[in-house]
Protein backbone atom coordinates (compact mmCIF):
# COMPACT_ATOMS: atom_id res chain seq x y z
CA UNK A 1 -54.11 25.52 -30.48
CA UNK A 2 -55.12 26.85 -27.09
CA UNK A 3 -53.00 26.07 -23.56
CA UNK A 4 -54.67 23.03 -21.53
CA UNK A 5 -54.87 23.26 -18.23
CA UNK A 6 -53.88 19.91 -16.54
CA UNK A 7 -52.98 18.89 -12.86
CA UNK A 8 -49.59 20.35 -12.15
CA UNK A 9 -50.22 23.30 -14.35
CA UNK A 10 -50.44 24.71 -18.09
CA UNK A 11 -49.28 22.61 -20.78
CA UNK A 12 -48.66 24.05 -24.20
CA UNK A 13 -49.68 21.31 -27.03
CA UNK A 14 -47.18 22.39 -29.27
CA UNK A 15 -44.09 22.48 -26.29
CA UNK A 16 -40.44 22.74 -26.95
CA UNK A 17 -37.56 25.11 -26.80
CA UNK A 18 -38.19 28.37 -28.49
CA UNK A 19 -36.31 29.75 -31.48
CA UNK A 20 -34.65 32.53 -29.46
CA UNK A 21 -34.09 30.31 -26.48
CA UNK A 22 -32.22 27.81 -29.24
CA UNK A 23 -30.13 30.24 -30.98
CA UNK A 24 -28.86 31.42 -27.50
CA UNK A 25 -27.67 28.23 -26.69
CA UNK A 26 -26.11 27.54 -29.90
CA UNK A 27 -24.00 30.41 -29.50
CA UNK A 28 -23.15 30.13 -26.00
CA UNK A 29 -21.62 26.52 -27.59
CA UNK A 30 -19.91 27.54 -30.07
CA UNK A 31 -18.16 30.51 -27.62
CA UNK A 32 -16.97 28.08 -25.47
CA UNK A 33 -15.85 25.49 -28.24
CA UNK A 34 -13.96 28.34 -29.89
CA UNK A 35 -12.45 29.25 -26.51
CA UNK A 36 -11.04 25.66 -25.77
CA UNK A 37 -9.81 25.51 -29.48
CA UNK A 38 -7.79 28.92 -29.08
CA UNK A 39 -6.06 27.68 -25.69
CA UNK A 40 -5.00 24.56 -27.31
CA UNK A 41 -3.81 26.29 -30.55
CA UNK A 42 -1.98 29.12 -28.63
CA UNK A 43 -0.28 26.90 -26.12
CA UNK A 44 -1.97 27.98 -22.93
CA UNK A 45 -1.46 25.21 -20.33
CA UNK A 46 -1.01 24.48 -16.76
CA UNK A 47 1.51 26.61 -14.74
CA UNK A 48 5.02 25.00 -14.50
CA UNK A 49 5.03 23.47 -11.09
CA UNK A 50 6.96 25.66 -8.41
CA UNK A 51 10.69 24.72 -7.58
CA UNK A 52 11.29 23.88 -3.81
CA UNK A 53 14.64 24.69 -2.44
CA UNK A 54 14.96 26.20 0.86
CA UNK A 55 17.62 29.04 1.52
CA UNK A 56 17.88 31.73 4.37
CA UNK A 57 19.86 34.37 5.36
CA UNK A 58 20.36 35.45 8.89
CA UNK A 59 21.70 38.32 10.66
CA UNK A 60 23.69 38.34 14.02
CA UNK A 61 25.23 41.63 14.53
CA UNK A 62 27.35 42.90 11.56
CA UNK A 63 27.26 39.67 9.74
CA UNK A 64 24.88 37.97 7.57
CA UNK A 65 24.87 34.54 7.07
CA UNK A 66 23.69 32.17 4.11
CA UNK A 67 22.65 28.76 4.27
CA UNK A 68 21.46 26.08 1.80
CA UNK A 69 18.84 23.99 3.69
CA UNK A 70 18.06 21.57 0.69
CA UNK A 71 14.66 20.99 -0.71
CA UNK A 72 12.78 18.72 -3.07
CA UNK A 73 14.40 20.03 -6.25
CA UNK A 74 18.42 20.59 -4.81
CA UNK A 75 18.85 18.03 -7.81
CA UNK A 76 17.88 20.60 -10.69
CA UNK A 77 19.73 23.65 -9.16
CA UNK A 78 23.17 24.50 -10.89
CA UNK A 79 23.96 27.60 -9.31
CA UNK A 80 22.71 29.50 -6.21
CA UNK A 81 23.57 33.47 -6.37
CA UNK A 82 23.53 35.72 -3.32
CA UNK A 83 23.29 39.41 -3.89
CA UNK A 84 23.96 41.86 -1.10
CA UNK A 85 21.88 45.43 -1.63
CA UNK A 86 19.66 44.11 -4.78
CA UNK A 87 20.07 42.35 -7.71
CA UNK A 88 22.02 44.53 -10.12
CA UNK A 89 25.50 45.81 -11.38
CA UNK A 90 27.82 47.38 -8.62
CA UNK A 91 26.27 45.48 -5.83
CA UNK A 92 28.35 42.68 -3.91
CA UNK A 93 27.32 38.96 -5.02
CA UNK A 94 28.67 35.38 -4.44
CA UNK A 95 27.47 32.01 -5.49
CA UNK A 96 26.83 29.67 -2.74
CA UNK A 97 27.33 25.62 -3.33
CA UNK A 98 24.51 24.11 -4.35
CA UNK A 99 24.25 21.71 -1.97
CA UNK A 100 22.27 21.06 1.31
CA UNK A 101 24.37 22.43 4.21
CA UNK A 102 26.28 25.17 2.07
CA UNK A 103 27.09 28.25 4.24
CA UNK A 104 28.59 31.60 3.52
CA UNK A 105 29.23 34.56 6.24
CA UNK A 106 29.39 38.09 4.78
CA UNK A 107 30.05 41.34 6.68
CA UNK A 108 27.19 43.83 6.38
CA UNK A 109 27.14 46.34 8.69
CA UNK A 110 23.79 48.05 7.73
CA UNK A 111 20.25 46.96 7.40
CA UNK A 112 20.33 46.00 3.72
CA UNK A 113 18.43 44.22 0.88
CA UNK A 114 19.42 40.29 0.38
CA UNK A 115 18.15 38.45 -2.71
CA UNK A 116 19.13 34.86 -3.66
CA UNK A 117 18.81 33.48 -7.04
CA UNK A 118 18.76 29.83 -8.03
CA UNK A 119 19.14 28.87 -11.47
CA UNK A 120 18.27 25.48 -13.24
CA UNK A 121 20.10 23.48 -15.69
CA UNK A 122 17.54 24.97 -18.23
CA UNK A 123 19.05 28.18 -17.61
CA UNK A 124 15.76 29.42 -15.73
CA UNK A 125 16.44 31.45 -12.83
CA UNK A 126 13.82 32.18 -9.83
CA UNK A 127 14.07 34.09 -6.42
CA UNK A 128 14.88 31.69 -3.56
CA UNK A 129 14.56 34.85 -0.97
CA UNK A 130 14.29 38.26 -0.81
CA UNK A 131 14.24 40.03 2.23
CA UNK A 132 15.63 43.28 4.27
CA UNK A 133 18.10 42.14 6.97
């Protein structure tokens, strides 16, 4: 059969989707479904919501004052550990009370890295503060 000219353009009387295009569409749908199934099987899910706890470290002369300001997730915090000089053996560290308003002042004469790490009840840790003072 021949193409027919009608108002609005050419019309092929045996219209439809070509075999090549339909095969490409079927492969695309199969790949998308396989990706969805793989994500469910391998447990790829939404990331864990961030924990909100505010802790500051401020320098005043040769002293650094650490203060817990609280936050939305303070009830999940079991320990707040402060490291002077970075996390690692040999660097001084101490524990702050896991409550809003807790403070500690330490003598730190030179500019140094300060890291504060929070630990939750399920033994997961996260960095609350990491800066050089």
